[in-house]
Amino acid sequence: MQVNRRSLAAGFAAILASTPAFAAPHKAAAEPIFKVDTVSATADEGRLVITARGAVSSGGWTNPYLRQKNSKDAHVIAFSFVAVPPPPDAAVIQALVPIEARATTSVPLARISEVRVDAASNDATIAIPDENADQQTFQPAPQR
């Protein structure tokens, strides 16, 4: 049986046309969220629980978390508030959508006095509560 070039080309075209249906799922890296609204910190039996609430610029963001990063100040624990954005071709709502993340860490031996959480358009800083305080919450100043 002899295969001509046209039928071979048509076969390859059919295979290539069906490839997007079998493509691997979207695996984007986490990116900073749009803004952080509030940060709270609670000391609990030698552990520090940080909760951040903010907003993303559209729907479809997943897996929000606080990614610890290096700080220039030795007395500050710094985090980036990140999440995985939706695929570029996804149909999502174009509005500010609330999002929340929580991190738990042991309280370091060195005196850490603040927690800073960064987002794409702003950041928020809160003093770490001492062991006698219940909870503290920081509301960042309005953006200019």
Protein backbone atom coordinates (compact mmCIF):
# COMPACT_ATOMS: atom_id res chain seq x y z
CA MET A 1 0.00 0.00 0.00
CA GLN A 2 1.38 3.31 -1.05
CA VAL A 3 0.63 6.51 0.89
CA ASN A 4 0.63 9.75 -1.05
CA ARG A 5 1.88 13.01 0.40
CA ARG A 6 -1.54 14.65 0.56
CA SER A 7 -3.08 11.95 2.73
CA LEU A 8 0.02 11.90 4.95
CA ALA A 9 -0.15 15.70 5.35
CA ALA A 10 -3.90 15.50 6.10
CA GLY A 11 -3.23 12.86 8.76
CA PHE A 12 -0.60 14.99 10.46
CA ALA A 13 -2.86 18.04 10.29
CA ALA A 14 -5.64 16.07 12.01
CA ILE A 15 -3.26 14.97 14.75
CA LEU A 16 -1.95 18.51 15.31
CA ALA A 17 -5.48 19.93 15.35
CA SER A 18 -6.47 17.56 18.15
CA THR A 19 -3.33 18.20 20.24
CA PRO A 20 -4.74 21.10 22.34
CA ALA A 21 -7.46 18.78 23.62
CA PHE A 22 -4.77 16.52 25.08
CA ALA A 23 -2.39 19.25 26.23
CA ALA A 24 -1.02 19.22 29.75
CA PRO A 25 -2.98 21.21 32.32
CA HIS A 26 -1.99 24.82 33.01
CA LYS A 27 0.91 24.90 35.48
CA ALA A 28 1.71 28.52 36.17
CA ALA A 29 4.02 29.67 38.91
CA ALA A 30 2.58 31.53 41.86
CA GLU A 31 2.56 35.33 41.49
CA PRO A 32 1.97 38.15 43.98
CA ILE A 33 -1.69 38.93 44.52
CA PHE A 34 -3.00 42.42 43.68
CA LYS A 35 -3.26 43.85 47.21
CA VAL A 36 -3.15 42.94 50.88
CA ASP A 37 -5.99 44.35 53.02
CA THR A 38 -5.37 43.03 56.53
CA VAL A 39 -2.75 41.05 58.40
CA SER A 40 -3.22 39.49 61.81
CA ALA A 41 -0.73 37.65 64.00
CA THR A 42 -1.45 35.39 66.95
CA ALA A 43 1.11 33.84 69.30
CA ASP A 44 0.07 30.34 70.29
CA GLU A 45 2.33 28.11 72.44
CA GLY A 46 5.62 29.10 70.84
CA ARG A 47 4.13 29.29 67.34
CA LEU A 48 3.23 32.37 65.37
CA VAL A 49 0.10 32.20 63.20
CA ILE A 50 -0.05 34.87 60.48
CA THR A 51 -3.29 35.40 58.54
CA ALA A 52 -3.43 37.73 55.56
CA ARG A 53 -6.51 38.82 53.63
CA GLY A 54 -6.39 40.65 50.34
CA ALA A 55 -7.71 40.70 46.80
CA VAL A 56 -6.79 39.41 43.36
CA SER A 57 -7.67 41.29 40.19
CA SER A 58 -9.83 38.55 38.67
CA GLY A 59 -11.46 35.23 39.42
CA GLY A 60 -9.71 31.91 38.92
CA TRP A 61 -6.73 32.38 41.26
CA THR A 62 -5.90 29.26 43.28
CA ASN A 63 -3.58 28.00 46.02
CA PRO A 64 -2.99 31.23 47.96
CA TYR A 65 -0.15 31.10 50.46
CA LEU A 66 2.38 33.24 52.29
CA ARG A 67 5.87 32.61 50.92
CA GLN A 68 8.56 33.54 53.43
CA LYS A 69 11.36 35.68 52.05
CA ASN A 70 14.53 37.34 53.29
CA SER A 71 14.20 40.65 55.08
CA LYS A 72 16.78 43.42 55.19
CA ASP A 73 15.84 44.04 58.84
CA ALA A 74 16.81 41.23 61.23
CA HIS A 75 13.80 42.06 63.43
CA VAL A 76 11.22 41.51 60.66
CA ILE A 77 9.76 38.28 59.27
CA ALA A 78 8.77 39.00 55.66
CA PHE A 79 6.32 37.17 53.41
CA SER A 80 5.04 37.55 49.86
CA PHE A 81 1.30 36.94 49.48
CA VAL A 82 1.12 34.81 46.33
CA ALA A 83 -1.35 32.62 44.45
CA VAL A 84 -1.51 30.78 41.12
CA PRO A 85 -3.22 32.90 38.43
CA PRO A 86 -5.81 31.45 36.06
CA PRO A 87 -4.71 30.18 32.64
CA PRO A 88 -4.41 32.96 30.05
CA ASP A 89 -7.31 31.58 28.00
CA ALA A 90 -9.67 31.05 30.97
CA ALA A 91 -12.96 32.94 31.11
CA VAL A 92 -12.93 34.61 34.54
CA ILE A 93 -14.72 37.47 36.26
CA GLN A 94 -12.85 40.76 35.94
CA ALA A 95 -13.31 42.17 39.43
CA LEU A 96 -11.49 42.34 42.73
CA VAL A 97 -12.00 38.97 44.40
CA PRO A 98 -11.17 38.41 48.10
CA ILE A 99 -8.49 35.87 48.99
CA GLU A 100 -6.92 34.66 52.25
CA ALA A 101 -3.79 32.79 53.29
CA ARG A 102 -2.34 31.58 56.59
CA ALA A 103 1.18 30.65 57.66
CA THR A 104 2.39 29.10 60.89
CA THR A 105 5.99 29.38 62.01
CA SER A 106 7.93 28.89 65.21
CA VAL A 107 8.90 32.05 67.00
CA PRO A 108 12.64 32.52 66.39
CA LEU A 109 15.07 32.85 69.29
CA ALA A 110 16.15 36.30 68.09
CA ARG A 111 13.76 39.12 68.96
CA ILE A 112 11.47 39.49 65.98
CA SER A 113 9.22 42.49 66.38
CA GLU A 114 7.27 42.71 63.09
CA VAL A 115 5.69 40.69 60.32
CA ARG A 116 5.54 42.23 56.83
CA VAL A 117 3.35 40.87 54.04
CA ASP A 118 3.94 42.16 50.49
CA ALA A 119 1.56 42.14 47.53
CA ALA A 120 1.92 43.56 44.01
CA SER A 121 0.54 47.01 44.84
CA ASN A 122 1.13 47.42 48.59
CA ASP A 123 2.37 45.82 51.79
CA ALA A 124 1.20 45.57 55.38
CA THR A 125 3.25 45.40 58.57
CA ILE A 126 2.12 44.30 62.02
CA ALA A 127 3.89 44.11 65.36
CA ILE A 128 4.21 40.57 66.66
CA PRO A 129 2.03 40.18 69.74
CA ASP A 130 3.66 39.23 72.99
CA GLU A 131 2.53 35.98 74.60
CA ASN A 132 0.02 37.79 76.83
CA ALA A 133 -1.83 39.46 73.95
CA ASP A 134 -4.62 37.66 72.11
CA GLN A 135 -4.41 39.04 68.60
CA GLN A 136 -3.47 42.15 66.65
CA THR A 137 -4.73 43.25 63.27
CA PHE A 138 -3.27 45.84 60.91
CA GLN A 139 -5.31 47.74 58.34
CA PRO A 140 -3.01 49.38 55.77
CA ALA A 141 -3.49 53.05 54.98
CA PRO A 142 -5.56 53.83 51.87
CA GLN A 143 -3.58 53.94 48.65
CA ARG A 144 -2.87 57.31 47.08
